[in-house]
């Protein structure tokens, strides 16, 4: 399974969209500062994820979530959750 995920940085109120086979490991990499594009905004909270059988379909969904229409969808459907509660 390929996961498309949305992370939220409480530090700056920023979202990050990505995809990975092992979601737990990938989120850990983000929070360990191992991902160049996200290390300046630690910590990250997983606020949404979807699983797909195909990498091609997962990539299409990831691209959508990064588009203007996808940002509107995220704003409507995903609410940031605090890592403390």
N, C-alpha and C. Protein backbone atom coordinates (compact mmCIF):
# COMPACT_ATOMS: atom_id res chain seq x y z
N UNK A 1 0.83 -1.19 0.00
CA UNK A 1 0.00 0.00 0.00
C UNK A 1 0.88 1.25 0.00
N UNK A 2 0.42 2.24 -0.73
CA UNK A 2 1.09 3.52 -0.78
C UNK A 2 0.19 4.53 -0.05
N UNK A 3 0.78 5.27 0.86
CA UNK A 3 0.03 6.25 1.64
C UNK A 3 0.32 7.66 1.16
N UNK A 4 -0.74 8.43 1.01
CA UNK A 4 -0.63 9.87 0.79
C UNK A 4 -1.00 10.49 2.13
N UNK A 5 -0.17 11.42 2.59
CA UNK A 5 -0.38 11.95 3.93
C UNK A 5 -0.28 13.48 3.93
N UNK A 6 -0.90 14.05 4.96
CA UNK A 6 -0.83 15.49 5.19
C UNK A 6 -0.33 15.70 6.60
N UNK A 7 0.76 16.46 6.70
CA UNK A 7 1.31 16.83 8.00
C UNK A 7 0.99 18.29 8.26
N UNK A 8 0.95 18.66 9.54
CA UNK A 8 0.71 20.04 9.91
C UNK A 8 1.77 20.47 10.91
N UNK A 9 2.38 21.62 10.66
CA UNK A 9 3.35 22.20 11.58
C UNK A 9 2.65 23.20 12.47
N UNK A 10 2.56 22.88 13.74
CA UNK A 10 1.96 23.80 14.70
C UNK A 10 2.81 25.05 14.86
N UNK A 11 4.11 24.92 14.62
CA UNK A 11 5.05 26.02 14.80
C UNK A 11 4.72 27.20 13.88
N UNK A 12 4.37 26.91 12.63
CA UNK A 12 4.12 27.99 11.67
C UNK A 12 2.77 27.90 10.97
N UNK A 13 1.95 26.93 11.32
CA UNK A 13 0.64 26.79 10.70
C UNK A 13 0.73 26.39 9.24
N UNK A 14 1.66 25.50 8.93
CA UNK A 14 1.94 25.10 7.55
C UNK A 14 1.61 23.62 7.35
N UNK A 15 1.15 23.29 6.14
CA UNK A 15 0.86 21.90 5.78
C UNK A 15 1.96 21.37 4.87
N UNK A 16 2.14 20.05 4.90
CA UNK A 16 3.05 19.37 3.99
C UNK A 16 2.33 18.12 3.48
N UNK A 17 2.35 17.89 2.18
CA UNK A 17 1.72 16.73 1.57
C UNK A 17 2.82 15.85 0.98
N UNK A 18 2.74 14.55 1.26
CA UNK A 18 3.73 13.63 0.72
C UNK A 18 3.14 12.25 0.55
N UNK A 19 3.98 11.31 0.11
CA UNK A 19 3.53 9.92 -0.01
C UNK A 19 4.67 8.99 0.38
N UNK A 20 4.30 7.83 0.92
CA UNK A 20 5.30 6.87 1.39
C UNK A 20 4.65 5.50 1.56
N UNK A 21 5.47 4.47 1.46
CA UNK A 21 4.97 3.12 1.72
C UNK A 21 4.78 2.90 3.21
N UNK A 22 5.76 3.28 4.02
CA UNK A 22 5.66 3.10 5.46
C UNK A 22 5.45 4.47 6.11
N UNK A 23 4.23 4.74 6.46
CA UNK A 23 3.84 6.04 6.97
C UNK A 23 4.52 6.36 8.31
N UNK A 24 4.57 5.41 9.20
CA UNK A 24 5.15 5.63 10.52
C UNK A 24 6.63 6.02 10.42
N UNK A 25 7.36 5.31 9.59
CA UNK A 25 8.78 5.62 9.41
C UNK A 25 8.95 6.99 8.77
N UNK A 26 8.15 7.29 7.76
CA UNK A 26 8.30 8.55 7.04
C UNK A 26 7.98 9.75 7.93
N UNK A 27 6.93 9.66 8.73
CA UNK A 27 6.60 10.76 9.64
C UNK A 27 7.74 10.93 10.66
N UNK A 28 8.31 9.82 11.10
CA UNK A 28 9.45 9.87 12.01
C UNK A 28 10.65 10.57 11.39
N UNK A 29 10.87 10.33 10.10
CA UNK A 29 11.96 11.01 9.40
C UNK A 29 11.73 12.51 9.34
N UNK A 30 10.49 12.90 9.08
CA UNK A 30 10.17 14.33 9.07
C UNK A 30 10.46 14.95 10.44
N UNK A 31 10.00 14.30 11.50
CA UNK A 31 10.16 14.85 12.85
C UNK A 31 11.57 14.73 13.39
N UNK A 32 12.40 13.91 12.76
CA UNK A 32 13.81 13.80 13.15
C UNK A 32 14.68 14.81 12.40
N UNK A 33 14.07 15.60 11.53
CA UNK A 33 14.81 16.59 10.77
C UNK A 33 15.59 16.03 9.61
N UNK A 34 15.24 14.84 9.14
CA UNK A 34 15.96 14.19 8.05
C UNK A 34 15.47 14.59 6.66
N UNK A 35 14.39 15.38 6.60
CA UNK A 35 13.83 15.80 5.32
C UNK A 35 14.10 17.30 5.17
N UNK A 36 14.91 17.64 4.17
CA UNK A 36 15.36 19.02 4.00
C UNK A 36 14.22 20.03 3.94
N UNK A 37 13.17 19.70 3.20
CA UNK A 37 12.09 20.65 2.99
C UNK A 37 11.20 20.85 4.21
N UNK A 38 11.30 20.00 5.23
CA UNK A 38 10.42 20.13 6.39
C UNK A 38 11.16 20.36 7.70
N UNK A 39 12.47 20.25 7.71
CA UNK A 39 13.18 20.28 9.00
C UNK A 39 13.11 21.63 9.71
N UNK A 40 12.84 22.70 9.00
CA UNK A 40 12.75 24.00 9.63
C UNK A 40 11.43 24.28 10.32
N UNK A 41 10.49 23.35 10.23
CA UNK A 41 9.14 23.60 10.75
C UNK A 41 8.71 22.57 11.78
N UNK A 42 9.63 21.94 12.44
CA UNK A 42 9.33 20.90 13.43
C UNK A 42 8.58 21.48 14.62
N UNK A 43 7.74 20.70 15.27
CA UNK A 43 7.36 19.32 14.98
C UNK A 43 6.18 19.26 14.01
N UNK A 44 6.00 18.09 13.41
CA UNK A 44 4.90 17.83 12.48
C UNK A 44 3.91 16.88 13.11
N UNK A 45 2.63 17.11 12.83
CA UNK A 45 1.55 16.25 13.32
C UNK A 45 0.84 15.68 12.09
N UNK A 46 0.64 14.37 12.08
CA UNK A 46 -0.10 13.72 11.00
C UNK A 46 -1.58 14.06 11.18
N UNK A 47 -2.17 14.75 10.20
CA UNK A 47 -3.57 15.16 10.32
C UNK A 47 -4.49 14.44 9.34
N UNK A 48 -3.90 13.75 8.34
CA UNK A 48 -4.73 13.04 7.36
C UNK A 48 -3.87 12.06 6.58
N UNK A 49 -4.44 10.92 6.25
CA UNK A 49 -3.75 10.00 5.34
C UNK A 49 -4.76 9.13 4.61
N UNK A 50 -4.37 8.70 3.41
CA UNK A 50 -5.19 7.83 2.57
C UNK A 50 -4.27 6.76 2.00
N UNK A 51 -4.78 5.53 1.85
CA UNK A 51 -4.00 4.43 1.32
C UNK A 51 -4.49 4.03 -0.07
N UNK A 52 -3.54 3.69 -0.94
CA UNK A 52 -3.85 3.31 -2.32
C UNK A 52 -3.08 2.06 -2.70
N UNK A 53 -3.66 1.25 -3.56
CA UNK A 53 -3.01 0.04 -4.06
C UNK A 53 -1.92 0.36 -5.07
N UNK A 54 -2.07 1.44 -5.79
CA UNK A 54 -1.19 1.78 -6.89
C UNK A 54 -0.41 3.06 -6.61
N UNK A 55 0.88 3.04 -6.91
CA UNK A 55 1.71 4.23 -6.76
C UNK A 55 1.24 5.34 -7.72
N UNK A 56 0.78 4.96 -8.91
CA UNK A 56 0.31 5.94 -9.89
C UNK A 56 -0.91 6.68 -9.36
N UNK A 57 -1.86 5.97 -8.80
CA UNK A 57 -3.06 6.60 -8.26
C UNK A 57 -2.72 7.45 -7.04
N UNK A 58 -1.82 6.95 -6.20
CA UNK A 58 -1.39 7.72 -5.03
C UNK A 58 -0.73 9.02 -5.47
N UNK A 59 0.11 8.97 -6.50
CA UNK A 59 0.79 10.17 -6.99
C UNK A 59 -0.22 11.18 -7.54
N UNK A 60 -1.25 10.70 -8.22
CA UNK A 60 -2.30 11.61 -8.71
C UNK A 60 -2.99 12.32 -7.56
N UNK A 61 -3.29 11.58 -6.49
CA UNK A 61 -3.94 12.17 -5.32
C UNK A 61 -3.02 13.18 -4.63
N UNK A 62 -1.74 12.83 -4.52
CA UNK A 62 -0.77 13.74 -3.92
C UNK A 62 -0.70 15.05 -4.72
N UNK A 63 -0.63 14.93 -6.03
CA UNK A 63 -0.58 16.12 -6.89
C UNK A 63 -1.84 16.96 -6.72
N UNK A 64 -2.99 16.31 -6.62
CA UNK A 64 -4.24 17.05 -6.41
C UNK A 64 -4.20 17.81 -5.09
N UNK A 65 -3.77 17.14 -4.02
CA UNK A 65 -3.75 17.79 -2.71
C UNK A 65 -2.77 18.96 -2.65
N UNK A 66 -1.80 18.97 -3.55
CA UNK A 66 -0.84 20.08 -3.62
C UNK A 66 -1.32 21.21 -4.53
N UNK A 67 -2.38 20.98 -5.28
CA UNK A 67 -2.91 21.98 -6.21
C UNK A 67 -3.79 22.99 -5.46
N UNK A 68 -4.18 24.05 -6.17
CA UNK A 68 -5.07 25.05 -5.57
C UNK A 68 -6.40 24.41 -5.15
N UNK A 69 -6.95 23.56 -6.00
CA UNK A 69 -8.21 22.88 -5.65
C UNK A 69 -8.00 21.97 -4.44
N UNK A 70 -6.86 21.31 -4.38
CA UNK A 70 -6.55 20.44 -3.25
C UNK A 70 -6.37 21.21 -1.96
N UNK A 71 -5.79 22.40 -2.05
CA UNK A 71 -5.65 23.24 -0.86
C UNK A 71 -7.03 23.66 -0.36
N UNK A 72 -7.95 23.96 -1.28
CA UNK A 72 -9.32 24.29 -0.86
C UNK A 72 -9.98 23.07 -0.20
N UNK A 73 -9.76 21.87 -0.77
CA UNK A 73 -10.32 20.64 -0.19
C UNK A 73 -9.76 20.43 1.21
N UNK A 74 -8.44 20.62 1.36
CA UNK A 74 -7.81 20.45 2.68
C UNK A 74 -8.39 21.42 3.69
N UNK A 75 -8.59 22.66 3.27
CA UNK A 75 -9.12 23.68 4.18
C UNK A 75 -10.52 23.30 4.66
N UNK A 76 -11.29 22.70 3.77
CA UNK A 76 -12.67 22.33 4.10
C UNK A 76 -12.76 21.04 4.93
N UNK A 77 -11.88 20.07 4.66
CA UNK A 77 -12.01 18.73 5.24
C UNK A 77 -11.01 18.36 6.33
N UNK A 78 -9.90 19.10 6.45
CA UNK A 78 -8.87 18.72 7.40
C UNK A 78 -8.70 19.84 8.42
N UNK A 79 -8.87 19.50 9.67
CA UNK A 79 -8.66 20.45 10.74
C UNK A 79 -7.38 20.08 11.47
N UNK A 80 -6.48 21.03 11.69
CA UNK A 80 -5.25 20.75 12.43
C UNK A 80 -5.58 20.21 13.83
N UNK A 81 -4.84 19.20 14.24
CA UNK A 81 -4.99 18.64 15.58
C UNK A 81 -3.71 18.91 16.35
N UNK A 82 -3.85 19.24 17.56
CA UNK A 82 -2.70 19.49 18.42
C UNK A 82 -2.02 18.18 18.79
N UNK A 83 -0.70 18.17 18.84
CA UNK A 83 0.04 16.97 19.25
C UNK A 83 -0.10 16.73 20.74
N UNK A 84 -0.58 17.74 21.47
CA UNK A 84 -0.73 17.61 22.91
C UNK A 84 -2.15 17.25 23.30
N UNK A 85 -3.04 17.08 22.36
CA UNK A 85 -4.39 16.72 22.75
C UNK A 85 -5.32 16.93 21.68
